[in-house]
Amino acid sequence: MSTADHSGLGHWKSQRLSSLLLVPLTLWLLWAGVALTGADYDSAVAFFRQPFHAAMALLTAGIMVYHAQGGIAVVCEDYVAHPGLQSALIWLTRLGCLAGFLATVYTIYVVWQGS
């Protein structure tokens, strides 16, 4: 999110909102990790086949990726002086975050398909 994309206030608000959303989602993720401690593969797959847990995993991944790429973009804007490099790093971050999210979506899809 370069400064051309959002106002500073808009970006600040979106980062705070995503932070607030991540609090309960992170608590769910920690609970899921504890609940699956010692579980075998089939139990973990059965856990994520449940619609609530699959949706929570996708929501958590999506908001984490959004929050991370926004935060990294701000670091690039603040500390990378060369405009071309700054832009390239921001776009690489966006692509990397998108790839991570798509990998999560694909994994949940495969679990839902029963593979």
Protein backbone atom coordinates (compact mmCIF):
# COMPACT_ATOMS: atom_id res chain seq x y z
CA MET A 1 0.00 0.00 0.00
CA SER A 2 1.98 2.90 -1.17
CA THR A 3 1.08 6.40 -0.13
CA ALA A 4 -0.53 6.84 -3.54
CA ASP A 5 -2.97 4.02 -2.75
CA HIS A 6 -4.30 5.19 0.63
CA SER A 7 -4.22 8.19 2.85
CA GLY A 8 -2.11 7.84 5.96
CA LEU A 9 -5.22 7.93 8.15
CA GLY A 10 -7.01 5.30 6.06
CA HIS A 11 -4.02 2.99 6.22
CA TRP A 12 -3.65 3.56 9.96
CA LYS A 13 -7.33 2.70 10.50
CA SER A 14 -7.13 -0.45 8.37
CA GLN A 15 -4.04 -1.64 10.28
CA ARG A 16 -5.78 -1.06 13.62
CA LEU A 17 -8.95 -2.83 12.47
CA SER A 18 -7.00 -5.83 11.18
CA SER A 19 -5.08 -5.89 14.49
CA LEU A 20 -8.32 -5.97 16.45
CA LEU A 21 -9.71 -8.75 14.26
CA LEU A 22 -6.53 -10.76 14.71
CA VAL A 23 -6.92 -10.88 18.51
CA PRO A 24 -9.82 -13.38 18.59
CA LEU A 25 -8.56 -15.15 15.49
CA THR A 26 -5.15 -15.68 17.08
CA LEU A 27 -6.82 -16.97 20.23
CA TRP A 28 -8.77 -19.44 18.08
CA LEU A 29 -5.56 -20.46 16.30
CA LEU A 30 -3.79 -21.06 19.63
CA TRP A 31 -6.78 -23.04 20.91
CA ALA A 32 -6.81 -25.13 17.70
CA GLY A 33 -3.10 -25.83 18.07
CA VAL A 34 -3.56 -26.99 21.65
CA ALA A 35 -6.65 -29.02 20.71
CA LEU A 36 -4.68 -30.78 17.97
CA THR A 37 -1.59 -31.43 20.09
CA GLY A 38 -0.81 -35.12 19.85
CA ALA A 39 -3.52 -35.68 17.23
CA ASP A 40 -2.78 -37.83 14.22
CA TYR A 41 -3.13 -36.69 10.61
CA ASP A 42 -6.67 -38.02 10.21
CA SER A 43 -7.84 -36.18 13.32
CA ALA A 44 -6.33 -32.92 12.08
CA VAL A 45 -8.00 -33.36 8.68
CA ALA A 46 -11.33 -34.11 10.37
CA PHE A 47 -10.91 -30.96 12.46
CA PHE A 48 -10.43 -28.74 9.41
CA ARG A 49 -13.25 -30.44 7.50
CA GLN A 50 -15.66 -28.88 9.94
CA PRO A 51 -17.07 -25.75 8.26
CA PHE A 52 -16.45 -23.49 11.26
CA HIS A 53 -12.78 -24.45 11.56
CA ALA A 54 -12.17 -24.26 7.82
CA ALA A 55 -13.75 -20.80 7.69
CA MET A 56 -11.75 -19.66 10.71
CA ALA A 57 -8.52 -20.89 9.11
CA LEU A 58 -9.28 -19.01 5.89
CA LEU A 59 -10.34 -15.87 7.74
CA THR A 60 -7.25 -15.95 9.94
CA ALA A 61 -4.96 -16.44 6.96
CA GLY A 62 -6.64 -13.70 4.96
CA ILE A 63 -6.51 -11.09 7.70
CA MET A 64 -2.95 -12.06 8.69
CA VAL A 65 -1.79 -11.67 5.11
CA TYR A 66 -3.59 -8.34 4.71
CA HIS A 67 -2.11 -7.03 7.97
CA ALA A 68 1.40 -8.30 7.21
CA GLN A 69 1.59 -6.89 3.70
CA GLY A 70 0.29 -3.53 4.92
CA GLY A 71 2.85 -3.39 7.70
CA ILE A 72 5.74 -4.42 5.47
CA ALA A 73 4.69 -1.81 2.90
CA VAL A 74 4.94 0.89 5.57
CA VAL A 75 8.42 -0.30 6.53
CA CYS A 76 9.46 -0.16 2.86
CA GLU A 77 7.98 3.33 2.46
CA ASP A 78 9.71 4.57 5.59
CA TYR A 79 13.15 2.98 5.19
CA VAL A 80 13.79 2.31 1.49
CA ALA A 81 14.93 5.55 -0.10
CA HIS A 82 15.05 4.49 -3.77
CA PRO A 83 11.53 4.79 -5.23
CA GLY A 84 12.00 1.97 -7.74
CA LEU A 85 13.32 -0.45 -5.14
CA GLN A 86 10.60 0.63 -2.71
CA SER A 87 7.89 -0.10 -5.26
CA ALA A 88 9.46 -3.43 -6.25
CA LEU A 89 9.70 -4.57 -2.62
CA ILE A 90 6.09 -3.61 -1.95
CA TRP A 91 4.91 -5.56 -5.02
CA LEU A 92 7.08 -8.57 -4.12
CA THR A 93 5.56 -8.51 -0.66
CA ARG A 94 2.06 -8.40 -2.12
CA LEU A 95 2.83 -11.31 -4.44
CA GLY A 96 4.39 -13.34 -1.63
CA CYS A 97 1.41 -12.72 0.65
CA LEU A 98 -0.99 -13.60 -2.15
CA ALA A 99 0.92 -16.83 -2.79
CA GLY A 100 0.76 -17.71 0.90
CA PHE A 101 -2.97 -17.05 1.05
CA LEU A 102 -3.63 -19.04 -2.12
CA ALA A 103 -1.63 -21.94 -0.66
CA THR A 104 -3.88 -21.83 2.40
CA VAL A 105 -7.02 -21.76 0.25
CA TYR A 106 -5.73 -24.68 -1.80
CA THR A 107 -4.88 -26.69 1.32
CA ILE A 108 -8.33 -26.17 2.82
CA TYR A 109 -9.88 -27.08 -0.53
CA VAL A 110 -7.88 -30.32 -0.68
CA VAL A 111 -8.93 -31.16 2.87
CA TRP A 112 -12.56 -30.52 1.96
CA GLN A 113 -12.25 -32.76 -1.09
CA GLY A 114 -11.10 -35.58 1.13
CA SER A 115 -7.60 -36.02 -0.28
